[in-house]
Amino acid sequence: MSLSLLVLLGASVQPPAAFQMPFVAKDADAARDWQGRVRERLMQIVEAQNPRKEVPLDVEIGKFHDEVGYRKADLHFTSNENTPIEATLTAPKGGGPFAAILCLHGHGGSREKAWDPHSEYKGFAAEFARRGFVTLSPTLGHCTYAPSQLWNLMRLVDVLEAQPFVDKNRIGVAGLSMGGEWTMWLTVCDPRVKAAVVSGWMCTTEGVLRVPNCPCWMPPGLLELCDIAEVHILTAPRPLLFESAIEDGCFPIDATRAGYEKVRKGYDLFGAADKVRQHTFPGGHAWNGGEAYAFMEEALLGKTAPRTR
């Protein structure tokens, strides 16, 4: 019986007694070596479930419509699985090039949800668009294992890079819940991503397993590799913000705080402690944005953001 089926049937899954590749580096060189080895293993784990294919991107953009401060259009492109993926593209008015942000929904979400101010996403894609970013908000299907979308997440970066009004050196990603998980996978595996906001996902392995969570986060080989919070260390030294709700029923706040300490220690080795932050706030499993917008403006637009920790 597979591990995922055991989880779905309610069987108890515990963290391994010892991880195969825990983060134990004592200096920056050792940390970079660990990053390379773990990144390679992560991509092998995804490849085993969903092989990467050479499929033409075939980007098609519909007519842009003017909104207040930006232009908006429908877009679709071809996925790694040779099926269409629909997305919403916005661009500031003017020639650019502009910084860009991928806006990723979670379980049961869609590109429309990322724009809905009344949803758990609080219309975060619209807010980034109003603040002068190019945005790209896709609808991504649920997979047996969420990381199987990695190749399509990378194709979304390809889509952005293909736009003449996008600055290739200023691409970020933000997402909630499974979108936060996808944000982690894309950022740690694709160095083209320069900054990230992970909302409602970062946690220790023990914390994720402590409460009911969809087992789609655990492709074979991942649970044993390292503490899932430590995967975020692969983002270092690039800017990284975590949104952690105090009453999040999916990720216990004590475990998200413990996970953040693991990530912060990794950033310390790179001399980049000021590049990683955790924003904790009252409330449940939802996007907050209280620090995220200013964080991305600082990371990708060069504006100064207030610092709380």
Protein backbone atom coordinates (compact mmCIF):
# COMPACT_ATOMS: atom_id res chain seq x y z
CA MET A 1 0.00 0.00 0.00
CA SER A 2 1.39 3.41 -0.97
CA LEU A 3 2.29 6.07 1.61
CA SER A 4 -0.27 8.45 0.10
CA LEU A 5 -3.06 5.87 0.39
CA LEU A 6 -2.13 5.24 4.00
CA VAL A 7 -2.45 8.97 4.69
CA LEU A 8 -5.82 9.13 2.94
CA LEU A 9 -7.04 6.18 5.02
CA GLY A 10 -6.05 8.01 8.18
CA ALA A 11 -2.99 5.95 9.06
CA SER A 12 -0.37 7.72 11.13
CA VAL A 13 2.71 8.81 9.19
CA GLN A 14 5.69 9.94 11.21
CA PRO A 15 8.85 11.78 10.19
CA PRO A 16 11.77 9.42 9.62
CA ALA A 17 14.06 8.70 12.54
CA ALA A 18 16.88 10.26 10.51
CA PHE A 19 16.76 12.25 7.27
CA GLN A 20 18.98 11.24 4.35
CA MET A 21 20.24 14.75 3.55
CA PRO A 22 19.60 17.03 6.55
CA PHE A 23 21.01 20.54 6.55
CA VAL A 24 24.12 20.34 8.74
CA ALA A 25 26.41 22.77 6.90
CA LYS A 26 28.70 24.96 9.01
CA ASP A 27 29.84 27.42 6.35
CA ALA A 28 28.71 28.90 3.04
CA ASP A 29 30.71 26.50 0.87
CA ALA A 30 29.18 23.47 2.56
CA ALA A 31 25.75 25.09 2.33
CA ARG A 32 26.13 25.66 -1.42
CA ASP A 33 27.25 22.06 -1.87
CA TRP A 34 24.18 20.86 0.05
CA GLN A 35 21.94 23.10 -2.06
CA GLY A 36 23.26 21.57 -5.26
CA ARG A 37 22.88 17.99 -4.09
CA VAL A 38 19.39 18.46 -2.69
CA ARG A 39 18.19 20.42 -5.75
CA GLU A 40 19.36 17.60 -8.00
CA ARG A 41 17.55 15.05 -5.85
CA LEU A 42 14.33 17.11 -5.79
CA MET A 43 14.25 17.28 -9.56
CA GLN A 44 14.87 13.54 -9.77
CA ILE A 45 11.91 12.96 -7.46
CA VAL A 46 9.65 14.99 -9.76
CA GLU A 47 11.07 13.39 -12.90
CA ALA A 48 10.24 9.93 -11.55
CA GLN A 49 6.55 10.87 -11.34
CA ASN A 50 6.23 13.18 -14.35
CA PRO A 51 9.04 13.16 -16.93
CA ARG A 52 10.01 16.52 -18.39
CA LYS A 53 9.20 16.75 -22.10
CA GLU A 54 10.27 18.98 -24.96
CA VAL A 55 6.91 20.46 -25.96
CA PRO A 56 6.59 23.78 -27.85
CA LEU A 57 5.34 26.58 -25.58
CA ASP A 58 2.84 27.94 -28.15
CA VAL A 59 1.93 31.08 -26.20
CA GLU A 60 -1.19 32.90 -27.39
CA ILE A 61 -2.27 36.20 -25.85
CA GLY A 62 -5.74 37.65 -26.33
CA LYS A 63 -6.64 41.30 -26.67
CA PHE A 64 -5.48 43.55 -23.84
CA HIS A 65 -8.18 45.55 -22.06
CA ASP A 66 -7.40 48.70 -20.11
CA GLU A 67 -7.87 48.64 -16.35
CA VAL A 68 -6.98 51.40 -13.89
CA GLY A 69 -3.18 51.53 -14.05
CA TYR A 70 -2.57 48.39 -16.11
CA ARG A 71 -3.65 46.27 -19.08
CA LYS A 72 -5.20 42.80 -18.76
CA ALA A 73 -5.50 39.89 -21.19
CA ASP A 74 -6.26 36.19 -21.34
CA LEU A 75 -3.34 33.94 -22.20
CA HIS A 76 -2.87 30.26 -22.84
CA PHE A 77 0.12 28.07 -23.55
CA THR A 78 0.94 24.38 -23.90
CA SER A 79 1.83 22.40 -20.81
CA ASN A 80 4.57 19.84 -20.30
CA GLU A 81 1.80 17.25 -20.76
CA ASN A 82 0.83 18.79 -24.13
CA THR A 83 -2.47 20.20 -22.87
CA PRO A 84 -3.55 23.87 -22.73
CA ILE A 85 -3.07 25.96 -19.59
CA GLU A 86 -5.10 29.14 -19.22
CA ALA A 87 -3.80 32.20 -17.41
CA THR A 88 -4.44 35.89 -16.87
CA LEU A 89 -1.69 38.31 -17.87
CA THR A 90 -1.39 41.94 -16.84
CA ALA A 91 1.16 44.59 -17.73
CA PRO A 92 1.62 48.18 -16.54
CA LYS A 93 0.92 50.79 -19.15
CA GLY A 94 4.09 51.85 -20.90
CA GLY A 95 7.01 50.13 -22.55
CA GLY A 96 8.86 48.59 -19.62
CA PRO A 97 10.68 46.39 -19.03
CA PHE A 98 8.85 45.72 -15.77
CA ALA A 99 9.31 43.36 -12.84
CA ALA A 100 6.94 40.39 -12.93
CA ILE A 101 5.25 38.11 -10.40
CA LEU A 102 3.65 34.70 -10.86
CA CYS A 103 0.51 34.51 -8.68
CA LEU A 104 -0.31 30.91 -7.75
CA HIS A 105 -3.58 29.57 -6.37
CA GLY A 106 -3.94 26.53 -4.11
CA HIS A 107 -6.27 23.54 -3.77
CA GLY A 108 -9.56 24.15 -5.55
CA GLY A 109 -8.33 27.49 -6.82
CA SER A 110 -8.09 29.06 -10.24
CA ARG A 111 -6.75 32.13 -11.99
CA GLU A 112 -10.06 33.85 -11.23
CA LYS A 113 -9.72 33.10 -7.50
CA ALA A 114 -6.36 34.89 -7.41
CA TRP A 115 -8.20 38.02 -8.54
CA ASP A 116 -11.21 37.68 -6.23
CA PRO A 117 -10.98 40.14 -3.29
CA HIS A 118 -13.65 38.14 -1.43
CA SER A 119 -11.75 34.84 -1.57
CA GLU A 120 -9.00 33.55 0.69
CA TYR A 121 -6.57 35.05 -1.85
CA LYS A 122 -7.80 38.60 -1.12
CA GLY A 123 -7.34 39.52 -4.81
CA PHE A 124 -3.56 39.43 -4.41
CA ALA A 125 -2.93 39.26 -8.16
CA ALA A 126 -4.91 42.45 -8.67
CA GLU A 127 -2.99 44.20 -5.90
CA PHE A 128 0.37 43.29 -7.42
CA ALA A 129 -0.89 44.53 -10.81
CA ARG A 130 -1.97 47.85 -9.29
CA ARG A 131 1.49 48.24 -7.76
CA GLY A 132 3.23 48.20 -11.14
CA PHE A 133 4.16 44.55 -11.61
CA VAL A 134 3.50 42.38 -14.62
CA THR A 135 1.42 39.50 -13.25
CA LEU A 136 0.71 36.04 -14.59
CA SER A 137 -1.99 34.00 -12.84
CA PRO A 138 -2.52 30.46 -14.18
CA THR A 139 -5.11 27.79 -13.52
CA LEU A 140 -3.17 24.63 -12.65
CA GLY A 141 -4.84 21.27 -12.15
CA HIS A 142 -4.53 19.10 -9.06
CA CYS A 143 -2.09 16.22 -9.47
CA THR A 144 -1.57 13.05 -7.47
CA TYR A 145 1.62 14.76 -6.33
CA ALA A 146 1.65 18.56 -6.31
CA PRO A 147 5.36 18.81 -7.26
CA SER A 148 4.51 17.20 -10.61
CA GLN A 149 3.57 20.74 -11.71
CA LEU A 150 7.22 21.83 -11.43
CA TRP A 151 7.88 21.70 -15.18
CA ASN A 152 4.76 23.78 -15.89
CA LEU A 153 5.79 26.29 -13.23
CA MET A 154 9.10 26.62 -15.06
CA ARG A 155 7.19 27.02 -18.33
CA LEU A 156 5.33 29.93 -16.74
CA VAL A 157 8.70 31.59 -16.21
CA ASP A 158 9.44 30.86 -19.87
CA VAL A 159 6.19 32.62 -20.78
CA LEU A 160 7.16 35.69 -18.78
CA GLU A 161 10.66 35.78 -20.24
CA ALA A 162 9.19 35.71 -23.73
CA GLN A 163 7.33 39.00 -23.17
CA PRO A 164 9.29 42.07 -24.34
CA PHE A 165 7.88 44.19 -21.49
CA VAL A 166 9.23 41.83 -18.77
CA ASP A 167 12.61 42.34 -17.11
CA LYS A 168 14.08 38.81 -17.03
CA ASN A 169 16.22 39.71 -14.04
CA ARG A 170 13.26 40.75 -11.88
CA ILE A 171 10.85 37.81 -11.79
CA GLY A 172 9.21 36.74 -8.53
CA VAL A 173 6.54 34.30 -7.42
CA ALA A 174 3.90 34.29 -4.69
CA GLY A 175 1.29 31.73 -3.72
CA LEU A 176 -1.08 30.53 -1.01
CA SER A 177 -1.42 27.00 0.38
CA MET A 178 -0.57 24.55 -2.42
CA GLY A 179 0.36 27.70 -4.32
CA GLY A 180 2.85 28.35 -1.52
CA GLU A 181 4.16 24.83 -1.97
CA TRP A 182 4.46 25.39 -5.72
CA THR A 183 6.21 28.66 -4.94
CA MET A 184 8.76 26.73 -2.89
CA TRP A 185 9.36 24.12 -5.59
CA LEU A 186 9.76 26.65 -8.38
CA THR A 187 12.00 28.98 -6.41
CA VAL A 188 14.36 26.33 -5.09
CA CYS A 189 14.70 24.63 -8.48
CA ASP A 190 14.77 27.64 -10.84
CA PRO A 191 17.37 30.38 -10.21
CA ARG A 192 15.55 32.69 -12.62
CA VAL A 193 13.15 33.42 -9.74
CA LYS A 194 14.66 36.31 -7.78
CA ALA A 195 12.20 36.67 -4.87
CA ALA A 196 9.31 34.71 -3.35
CA VAL A 197 6.40 34.95 -0.92
CA VAL A 198 5.31 31.59 0.51
CA SER A 199 1.92 31.95 2.20
CA GLY A 200 0.28 29.22 4.26
CA TRP A 201 2.73 26.42 3.53
CA MET A 202 6.14 26.63 5.24
CA CYS A 203 6.29 24.22 8.19
CA THR A 204 8.41 21.47 9.66
CA THR A 205 7.73 17.92 8.50
CA GLU A 206 6.47 17.04 11.98
CA GLY A 207 4.04 19.95 11.87
CA VAL A 208 2.64 19.05 8.44
CA LEU A 209 2.08 15.46 9.58
CA ARG A 210 0.59 16.45 12.94
CA VAL A 211 -2.72 17.57 11.41
CA PRO A 212 -4.76 16.29 8.42
CA ASN A 213 -3.21 17.55 5.19
CA CYS A 214 -3.55 16.40 1.60
CA PRO A 215 -0.82 13.79 0.96
CA CYS A 216 -0.16 15.27 -2.48
CA TRP A 217 2.84 17.11 -1.00
CA MET A 218 4.70 13.79 -0.51
CA PRO A 219 5.94 12.21 -3.74
CA PRO A 220 7.95 9.05 -3.09
CA GLY A 221 11.41 9.92 -1.82
CA LEU A 222 10.62 13.37 -0.40
CA LEU A 223 9.61 12.53 3.17
CA GLU A 224 12.93 10.83 3.85
CA LEU A 225 15.12 13.47 2.21
CA CYS A 226 15.26 16.34 4.71
CA ASP A 227 12.90 18.33 6.90
CA ILE A 228 10.49 19.96 4.47
CA ALA A 229 11.17 23.39 6.01
CA GLU A 230 14.86 22.98 5.14
CA VAL A 231 14.02 22.79 1.43
CA HIS A 232 13.48 26.56 1.56
CA ILE A 233 17.19 26.99 2.35
CA LEU A 234 17.80 26.27 -1.34
CA THR A 235 16.36 29.73 -2.03
CA ALA A 236 19.19 31.43 -0.11
CA PRO A 237 20.47 34.08 -0.51
CA ARG A 238 17.51 35.36 -2.59
CA PRO A 239 14.75 37.35 -0.80
CA LEU A 240 12.11 35.11 0.79
CA LEU A 241 9.07 35.98 2.91
CA PHE A 242 6.81 33.53 4.76
CA GLU A 243 3.22 34.36 5.68
CA SER A 244 2.18 32.27 8.71
CA ALA A 245 -1.31 32.62 10.19
CA ILE A 246 -1.48 32.00 13.93
CA GLU A 247 -4.76 30.04 13.71
CA ASP A 248 -3.89 28.14 10.52
CA GLY A 249 -5.50 24.72 10.88
CA CYS A 250 -3.20 23.18 8.28
CA PHE A 251 0.15 24.34 9.67
CA PRO A 252 0.50 24.73 13.48
CA ILE A 253 2.09 28.05 14.34
CA ASP A 254 4.71 26.50 16.66
CA ALA A 255 5.87 24.30 13.78
CA THR A 256 5.97 27.18 11.30
CA ARG A 257 8.06 29.19 13.76
CA ALA A 258 10.39 26.22 14.26
CA GLY A 259 10.61 25.83 10.49
CA TYR A 260 11.47 29.48 10.07
CA GLU A 261 14.35 29.16 12.55
CA LYS A 262 15.77 26.33 10.44
CA VAL A 263 15.58 28.46 7.30
CA ARG A 264 17.00 31.54 9.02
CA LYS A 265 20.06 29.59 10.20
CA GLY A 266 20.69 28.53 6.62
CA TYR A 267 20.42 32.13 5.41
CA ASP A 268 22.84 33.18 8.16
CA LEU A 269 25.58 31.04 6.59
CA PHE A 270 25.22 33.04 3.39
CA GLY A 271 25.39 36.34 5.26
CA ALA A 272 21.82 36.95 4.12
CA ALA A 273 19.84 37.00 7.37
CA ASP A 274 18.20 40.25 6.23
CA LYS A 275 16.82 38.52 3.10
CA VAL A 276 14.47 36.10 4.87
CA ARG A 277 11.48 37.07 7.02
CA GLN A 278 8.40 35.56 8.60
CA HIS A 279 5.20 37.54 8.96
CA THR A 280 2.90 36.02 11.59
CA PHE A 281 -0.61 37.40 12.02
CA PRO A 282 -3.97 36.54 13.62
CA GLY A 283 -6.40 34.54 11.54
CA GLY A 284 -6.71 31.33 9.60
CA HIS A 285 -5.50 29.79 6.38
CA ALA A 286 -5.54 32.74 3.95
CA TRP A 287 -3.34 35.24 2.16
CA ASN A 288 -2.58 38.29 4.29
CA GLY A 289 -0.44 40.73 2.29
CA GLY A 290 0.38 42.93 5.26
CA GLU A 291 4.09 42.71 4.48
CA ALA A 292 4.13 40.82 1.18
CA TYR A 293 3.47 43.70 -1.19
CA ALA A 294 6.11 45.97 0.32
CA PHE A 295 8.51 43.01 0.49
CA MET A 296 8.21 42.37 -3.25
CA GLU A 297 8.47 46.08 -4.01
CA GLU A 298 11.74 46.13 -2.10
CA ALA A 299 13.08 42.92 -3.66
CA LEU A 300 12.09 43.61 -7.27
CA LEU A 301 11.46 47.37 -7.52
CA GLY A 302 14.14 48.64 -5.17
CA LYS A 303 11.71 50.35 -2.80
CA THR A 304 12.40 50.32 0.95
CA ALA A 305 10.09 48.07 2.94
CA PRO A 306 9.41 48.29 6.70
CA ARG A 307 11.00 45.49 8.73
CA THR A 308 9.33 43.78 11.66
CA ARG A 309 11.86 40.97 12.22
